[in-house]
Amino acid sequence: MPRLFVSVDLPPELEPRVRDIQSYLRGTRADLRFTKPEQAHLTMKFVGDVPEQRLKAVKEAVDEAVEAVEPFDVKLGGTGVFPSRDYVSVVWVGVCEGVDELTRLHGALEDHLVGRGLADEAEHDYMPHVTLARMNSGRGRTEVLDFVDEHEDVTVGGFEASRLRLKSSVLRDDGSVHTTEHEAEL
């Protein structure tokens, strides 16, 4: 049963910049598990475990969600943490341009996937971001917060969001492996 999510992938030309920003985090004592820069993406909707017989319905729902959406510009910059500075689980780069469009697209995916019973409703308000790393423990939290404060104005770069990808994710000891199951053009 594939574990699915919908994403806007970063173009390959932004991969070195993501890697550069991660290198600052690697210099800390923090207990971090880094995402692979070549898999950097904006998660639009986590779908979850989906039986193979429902995969076609998920693809159709994604296609319908993008029907009225035109390509738009996205600019990445700034850093932050989830869920809070007191308890850091995720270190991320944010979105400084394209937030409204991404939020509307997320809402359309929610309507089409949740409305058909293909995914659960999001537990939190949508905040577009690119995950840099996940914290395994509280070790180095202060250094991570210093990193976030020092890089709050960092610029990663921009790109045109022109397609969504429905991806499956397999968790392995060396990190997640993502496979594109379907693409939907905006």
Protein backbone atom coordinates (compact mmCIF):
# COMPACT_ATOMS: atom_id res chain seq x y z
CA MET A 1 0.00 0.00 0.00
CA PRO A 2 1.78 3.18 -1.14
CA ARG A 3 2.21 6.13 1.23
CA LEU A 4 1.34 9.16 -0.91
CA PHE A 5 1.78 12.92 -0.87
CA VAL A 6 1.33 15.72 -3.41
CA SER A 7 4.22 18.12 -3.98
CA VAL A 8 5.61 21.00 -5.96
CA ASP A 9 9.21 19.97 -6.56
CA LEU A 10 12.09 22.44 -6.55
CA PRO A 11 13.96 22.65 -9.84
CA PRO A 12 17.42 21.04 -9.96
CA GLU A 13 19.13 24.46 -10.17
CA LEU A 14 18.05 25.21 -6.56
CA GLU A 15 19.55 21.97 -5.19
CA PRO A 16 23.05 23.47 -4.61
CA ARG A 17 21.54 26.36 -2.64
CA VAL A 18 19.55 23.96 -0.43
CA ARG A 19 22.75 21.95 0.10
CA ASP A 20 24.65 25.16 1.03
CA ILE A 21 22.07 26.14 3.64
CA GLN A 22 22.09 22.62 5.07
CA SER A 23 25.88 22.82 5.40
CA TYR A 24 25.48 25.54 8.05
CA LEU A 25 23.21 23.23 10.02
CA ARG A 26 25.67 20.35 9.63
CA GLY A 27 28.20 22.49 11.49
CA THR A 28 26.09 22.42 14.65
CA ARG A 29 26.04 19.77 17.39
CA ALA A 30 22.33 19.27 16.77
CA ASP A 31 20.90 15.77 16.44
CA LEU A 32 19.51 16.25 12.92
CA ARG A 33 18.37 13.99 10.10
CA PHE A 34 18.74 15.88 6.82
CA THR A 35 16.47 15.71 3.81
CA LYS A 36 18.08 14.93 0.48
CA PRO A 37 18.55 18.21 -1.46
CA GLU A 38 17.70 16.43 -4.70
CA GLN A 39 14.28 15.60 -3.21
CA ALA A 40 13.55 19.14 -1.98
CA HIS A 41 9.89 19.99 -2.40
CA LEU A 42 6.90 21.87 -1.06
CA THR A 43 4.42 19.36 0.32
CA MET A 44 0.98 20.41 -0.89
CA LYS A 45 -1.04 17.62 0.70
CA PHE A 46 -0.18 14.48 2.63
CA VAL A 47 -2.51 11.74 1.41
CA GLY A 48 -1.27 8.78 3.47
CA ASP A 49 -1.46 5.05 2.85
CA VAL A 50 -3.68 4.37 -0.14
CA PRO A 51 -4.74 0.93 -1.39
CA GLU A 52 -3.68 0.30 -5.01
CA GLN A 53 -7.33 0.13 -6.14
CA ARG A 54 -7.86 3.77 -5.00
CA LEU A 55 -4.75 5.17 -6.73
CA LYS A 56 -6.67 6.04 -9.91
CA ALA A 57 -9.23 8.04 -7.89
CA VAL A 58 -6.43 9.96 -6.15
CA LYS A 59 -4.85 10.80 -9.52
CA GLU A 60 -8.22 12.03 -10.84
CA ALA A 61 -8.77 14.18 -7.74
CA VAL A 62 -5.33 15.79 -8.16
CA ASP A 63 -6.06 16.47 -11.85
CA GLU A 64 -9.37 18.11 -10.97
CA ALA A 65 -7.81 20.23 -8.22
CA VAL A 66 -5.42 21.87 -10.69
CA GLU A 67 -7.91 22.48 -13.51
CA ALA A 68 -8.47 26.16 -12.71
CA VAL A 69 -4.90 26.92 -11.60
CA GLU A 70 -2.39 28.69 -13.83
CA PRO A 71 1.39 28.41 -13.35
CA PHE A 72 2.75 30.94 -10.82
CA ASP A 73 6.04 32.19 -9.42
CA VAL A 74 7.44 30.93 -6.12
CA LYS A 75 10.33 32.51 -4.25
CA LEU A 76 11.94 30.69 -1.32
CA GLY A 77 13.61 32.39 1.61
CA GLY A 78 13.76 32.75 5.35
CA THR A 79 14.07 29.94 7.87
CA GLY A 80 11.98 28.62 10.72
CA VAL A 81 11.06 25.63 12.83
CA PHE A 82 7.98 23.53 13.60
CA PRO A 83 6.10 23.17 15.83
CA SER A 84 7.67 25.87 18.06
CA ARG A 85 10.96 27.29 19.30
CA ASP A 86 10.41 25.42 22.58
CA TYR A 87 10.12 22.06 20.84
CA VAL A 88 11.85 21.84 17.47
CA SER A 89 10.87 18.95 15.23
CA VAL A 90 11.46 20.37 11.73
CA VAL A 91 13.86 23.02 10.39
CA TRP A 92 12.65 24.64 7.17
CA VAL A 93 13.05 27.28 4.49
CA GLY A 94 9.93 29.32 3.87
CA VAL A 95 8.13 30.86 0.93
CA CYS A 96 8.27 34.65 0.41
CA GLU A 97 6.39 34.82 -2.89
CA GLY A 98 3.57 32.56 -4.06
CA VAL A 99 2.11 31.85 -0.60
CA ASP A 100 -1.43 32.83 -1.63
CA GLU A 101 -1.33 30.66 -4.76
CA LEU A 102 0.12 27.69 -2.87
CA THR A 103 -2.51 28.09 -0.15
CA ARG A 104 -5.33 28.15 -2.73
CA LEU A 105 -3.88 25.08 -4.43
CA HIS A 106 -3.65 23.31 -1.08
CA GLY A 107 -7.30 24.21 -0.44
CA ALA A 108 -8.35 22.76 -3.81
CA LEU A 109 -6.47 19.54 -3.03
CA GLU A 110 -8.14 19.38 0.39
CA ASP A 111 -11.57 19.84 -1.23
CA HIS A 112 -11.05 17.17 -3.87
CA LEU A 113 -9.18 14.57 -1.81
CA VAL A 114 -10.89 14.94 1.56
CA GLY A 115 -14.28 15.49 -0.09
CA ARG A 116 -13.99 12.09 -1.77
CA GLY A 117 -12.74 10.34 1.35
CA LEU A 118 -9.30 9.77 -0.18
CA ALA A 119 -7.35 11.68 2.51
CA ASP A 120 -7.85 13.04 6.00
CA GLU A 121 -8.36 16.73 6.58
CA ALA A 122 -5.16 18.62 7.40
CA GLU A 123 -4.49 18.85 11.13
CA HIS A 124 -2.84 22.29 10.90
CA ASP A 125 -3.19 25.45 8.88
CA TYR A 126 -1.20 25.15 5.69
CA MET A 127 2.20 26.86 5.73
CA PRO A 128 4.28 26.20 2.64
CA HIS A 129 7.89 25.30 3.38
CA VAL A 130 10.81 23.13 2.28
CA THR A 131 12.03 20.82 5.03
CA LEU A 132 15.81 21.02 5.54
CA ALA A 133 16.10 18.63 8.47
CA ARG A 134 14.24 16.90 11.27
CA MET A 135 15.45 16.91 14.86
CA ASN A 136 15.86 13.49 16.43
CA SER A 137 16.28 14.86 19.96
CA GLY A 138 16.64 18.17 21.78
CA ARG A 139 20.44 18.07 21.50
CA GLY A 140 21.66 21.26 19.83
CA ARG A 141 18.28 23.03 19.86
CA THR A 142 19.91 26.34 20.86
CA GLU A 143 22.33 26.10 17.93
CA VAL A 144 19.43 25.37 15.57
CA LEU A 145 17.55 28.41 16.86
CA ASP A 146 20.70 30.51 16.38
CA PHE A 147 20.87 29.21 12.79
CA VAL A 148 17.22 30.18 12.21
CA ASP A 149 17.78 33.67 13.64
CA GLU A 150 20.94 34.20 11.58
CA HIS A 151 19.26 33.01 8.36
CA GLU A 152 15.83 34.60 8.72
CA ASP A 153 16.52 36.73 5.61
CA VAL A 154 18.30 34.06 3.54
CA THR A 155 17.26 33.82 -0.11
CA VAL A 156 17.18 30.43 -1.80
CA GLY A 157 15.83 31.44 -5.19
CA GLY A 158 12.73 31.33 -7.29
CA PHE A 159 11.03 29.21 -9.92
CA GLU A 160 7.74 28.83 -11.75
CA ALA A 161 5.38 26.29 -10.22
CA SER A 162 3.84 24.62 -13.25
CA ARG A 163 3.05 21.08 -12.11
CA LEU A 164 2.13 18.96 -9.13
CA ARG A 165 3.53 15.52 -8.51
CA LEU A 166 1.75 12.72 -6.71
CA LYS A 167 4.55 10.77 -5.06
CA SER A 168 4.93 7.59 -3.09
CA SER A 169 7.36 7.54 -0.21
CA VAL A 170 9.22 4.56 1.17
CA LEU A 171 11.08 5.05 4.46
CA ARG A 172 14.52 3.42 4.62
CA ASP A 173 17.41 3.55 7.07
CA ASP A 174 19.25 5.98 4.77
CA GLY A 175 16.21 8.25 4.34
CA SER A 176 13.03 8.37 2.30
CA VAL A 177 12.87 7.33 -1.34
CA HIS A 178 10.28 9.24 -3.38
CA THR A 179 8.81 7.95 -6.63
CA THR A 180 6.57 10.04 -8.88
CA GLU A 181 3.30 8.19 -9.48
CA HIS A 182 1.54 10.94 -11.43
CA GLU A 183 2.04 14.50 -12.69
CA ALA A 184 -0.63 17.18 -13.10
CA GLU A 185 0.15 20.28 -15.17
CA LEU A 186 -1.11 23.64 -13.92
